[in-house]
Amino acid sequence: MLFSYFAVSRDSGNILHITMRSSPPADTPTVQYSYASIAGVNRYNTLHNAGQDLISLRNVG
C-alpha cells in the first residue's frame, strides 16, 4: 500500500513536492518527509490550485 508524504524544506518549512511510498523516505540534511493525510493533500491541492506557490507544512496540517 502506498502512502503520501510531503517533502519539506528544512530551511523554510515549505512543501517541495508530494511523493508516494510504501514507507517513509529517509530525511536528508535539507529535506524532511512528513506523512500527508488525504485531508492534507486535498488542502495542499486547493492552495496550489488557488495560485499559491509557497505552501507551508503548517497550512495543510
C-alpha atoms as a PDB file:
ATOM      1  CA  MET A   1       0.000   0.000   0.000  1.00  0.00           C
ATOM      2  CA  LEU A   2       1.287   3.455  -0.913  1.00  0.00           C
ATOM      3  CA  PHE A   3       1.102   6.485   1.365  1.00  0.00           C
ATOM      4  CA  SER A   4       1.608  10.151   0.550  1.00  0.00           C
ATOM      5  CA  TYR A   5       4.486  12.105   2.073  1.00  0.00           C
ATOM      6  CA  PHE A   6       5.301  15.801   1.814  1.00  0.00           C
ATOM      7  CA  ALA A   7       8.921  16.615   1.058  1.00  0.00           C
ATOM      8  CA  VAL A   8       9.523  19.723   3.168  1.00  0.00           C
ATOM      9  CA  SER A   9      12.439  22.164   3.069  1.00  0.00           C
ATOM     10  CA  ARG A  10      14.162  22.226   6.462  1.00  0.00           C
ATOM     11  CA  ASP A  11      15.049  25.911   5.986  1.00  0.00           C
ATOM     12  CA  SER A  12      11.638  27.324   5.090  1.00  0.00           C
ATOM     13  CA  GLY A  13       9.152  24.650   6.117  1.00  0.00           C
ATOM     14  CA  ASN A  14       7.627  24.895   2.640  1.00  0.00           C
ATOM     15  CA  ILE A  15       6.433  21.805   0.803  1.00  0.00           C
ATOM     16  CA  LEU A  16       8.616  20.979  -2.194  1.00  0.00           C
ATOM     17  CA  HIS A  17       6.572  18.106  -3.589  1.00  0.00           C
ATOM     18  CA  ILE A  18       4.472  15.077  -2.674  1.00  0.00           C
ATOM     19  CA  THR A  19       5.791  11.546  -3.071  1.00  0.00           C
ATOM     20  CA  MET A  20       4.022   8.187  -2.843  1.00  0.00           C
ATOM     21  CA  ARG A  21       5.877   5.477  -0.941  1.00  0.00           C
ATOM     22  CA  SER A  22       5.139   2.277   0.943  1.00  0.00           C
ATOM     23  CA  SER A  23       7.353   3.526   3.789  1.00  0.00           C
ATOM     24  CA  PRO A  24       8.676   6.950   4.787  1.00  0.00           C
ATOM     25  CA  PRO A  25      11.627   8.146   2.705  1.00  0.00           C
ATOM     26  CA  ALA A  26      14.854   8.915   4.542  1.00  0.00           C
ATOM     27  CA  ASP A  27      15.296  12.533   5.573  1.00  0.00           C
ATOM     28  CA  THR A  28      18.297  14.448   4.237  1.00  0.00           C
ATOM     29  CA  PRO A  29      20.186  17.454   5.635  1.00  0.00           C
ATOM     30  CA  THR A  30      17.983  19.798   3.555  1.00  0.00           C
ATOM     31  CA  VAL A  31      14.686  17.890   3.199  1.00  0.00           C
ATOM     32  CA  GLN A  32      12.485  16.151   5.732  1.00  0.00           C
ATOM     33  CA  TYR A  33       9.491  13.987   4.925  1.00  0.00           C
ATOM     34  CA  SER A  34       6.152  14.227   6.670  1.00  0.00           C
ATOM     35  CA  TYR A  35       3.167  11.889   6.333  1.00  0.00           C
ATOM     36  CA  ALA A  36       0.470  13.543   4.225  1.00  0.00           C
ATOM     37  CA  SER A  37      -3.085  12.624   5.139  1.00  0.00           C
ATOM     38  CA  ILE A  38      -5.774  12.683   2.467  1.00  0.00           C
ATOM     39  CA  ALA A  39      -7.124  15.882   4.030  1.00  0.00           C
ATOM     40  CA  GLY A  40      -3.621  17.409   3.970  1.00  0.00           C
ATOM     41  CA  VAL A  41      -3.126  16.521   0.310  1.00  0.00           C
ATOM     42  CA  ASN A  42      -6.555  17.945  -0.524  1.00  0.00           C
ATOM     43  CA  ARG A  43      -5.724  21.160   1.341  1.00  0.00           C
ATOM     44  CA  TYR A  44      -2.374  21.379  -0.471  1.00  0.00           C
ATOM     45  CA  ASN A  45      -4.092  20.922  -3.847  1.00  0.00           C
ATOM     46  CA  THR A  46      -6.684  23.587  -3.001  1.00  0.00           C
ATOM     47  CA  LEU A  47      -3.977  26.093  -2.076  1.00  0.00           C
ATOM     48  CA  HIS A  48      -1.849  25.222  -5.111  1.00  0.00           C
ATOM     49  CA  ASN A  49      -4.821  25.476  -7.483  1.00  0.00           C
ATOM     50  CA  ALA A  50      -5.611  28.891  -5.995  1.00  0.00           C
ATOM     51  CA  GLY A  51      -2.195  30.095  -7.167  1.00  0.00           C
ATOM     52  CA  GLN A  52      -0.049  29.700  -4.056  1.00  0.00           C
ATOM     53  CA  ASP A  53       3.469  28.618  -4.944  1.00  0.00           C
ATOM     54  CA  LEU A  54       4.990  28.505  -1.453  1.00  0.00           C
ATOM     55  CA  ILE A  55       2.833  26.370   0.809  1.00  0.00           C
ATOM     56  CA  SER A  56       3.989  25.803   4.373  1.00  0.00           C
ATOM     57  CA  LEU A  57       3.511  22.440   6.045  1.00  0.00           C
ATOM     58  CA  ARG A  58       1.682  24.353   8.816  1.00  0.00           C
ATOM     59  CA  ASN A  59      -1.003  25.398   6.294  1.00  0.00           C
ATOM     60  CA  VAL A  60      -2.013  21.845   5.428  1.00  0.00           C
ATOM     61  CA  GLY A  61      -1.955  20.277   8.902  1.00  0.00           C
END
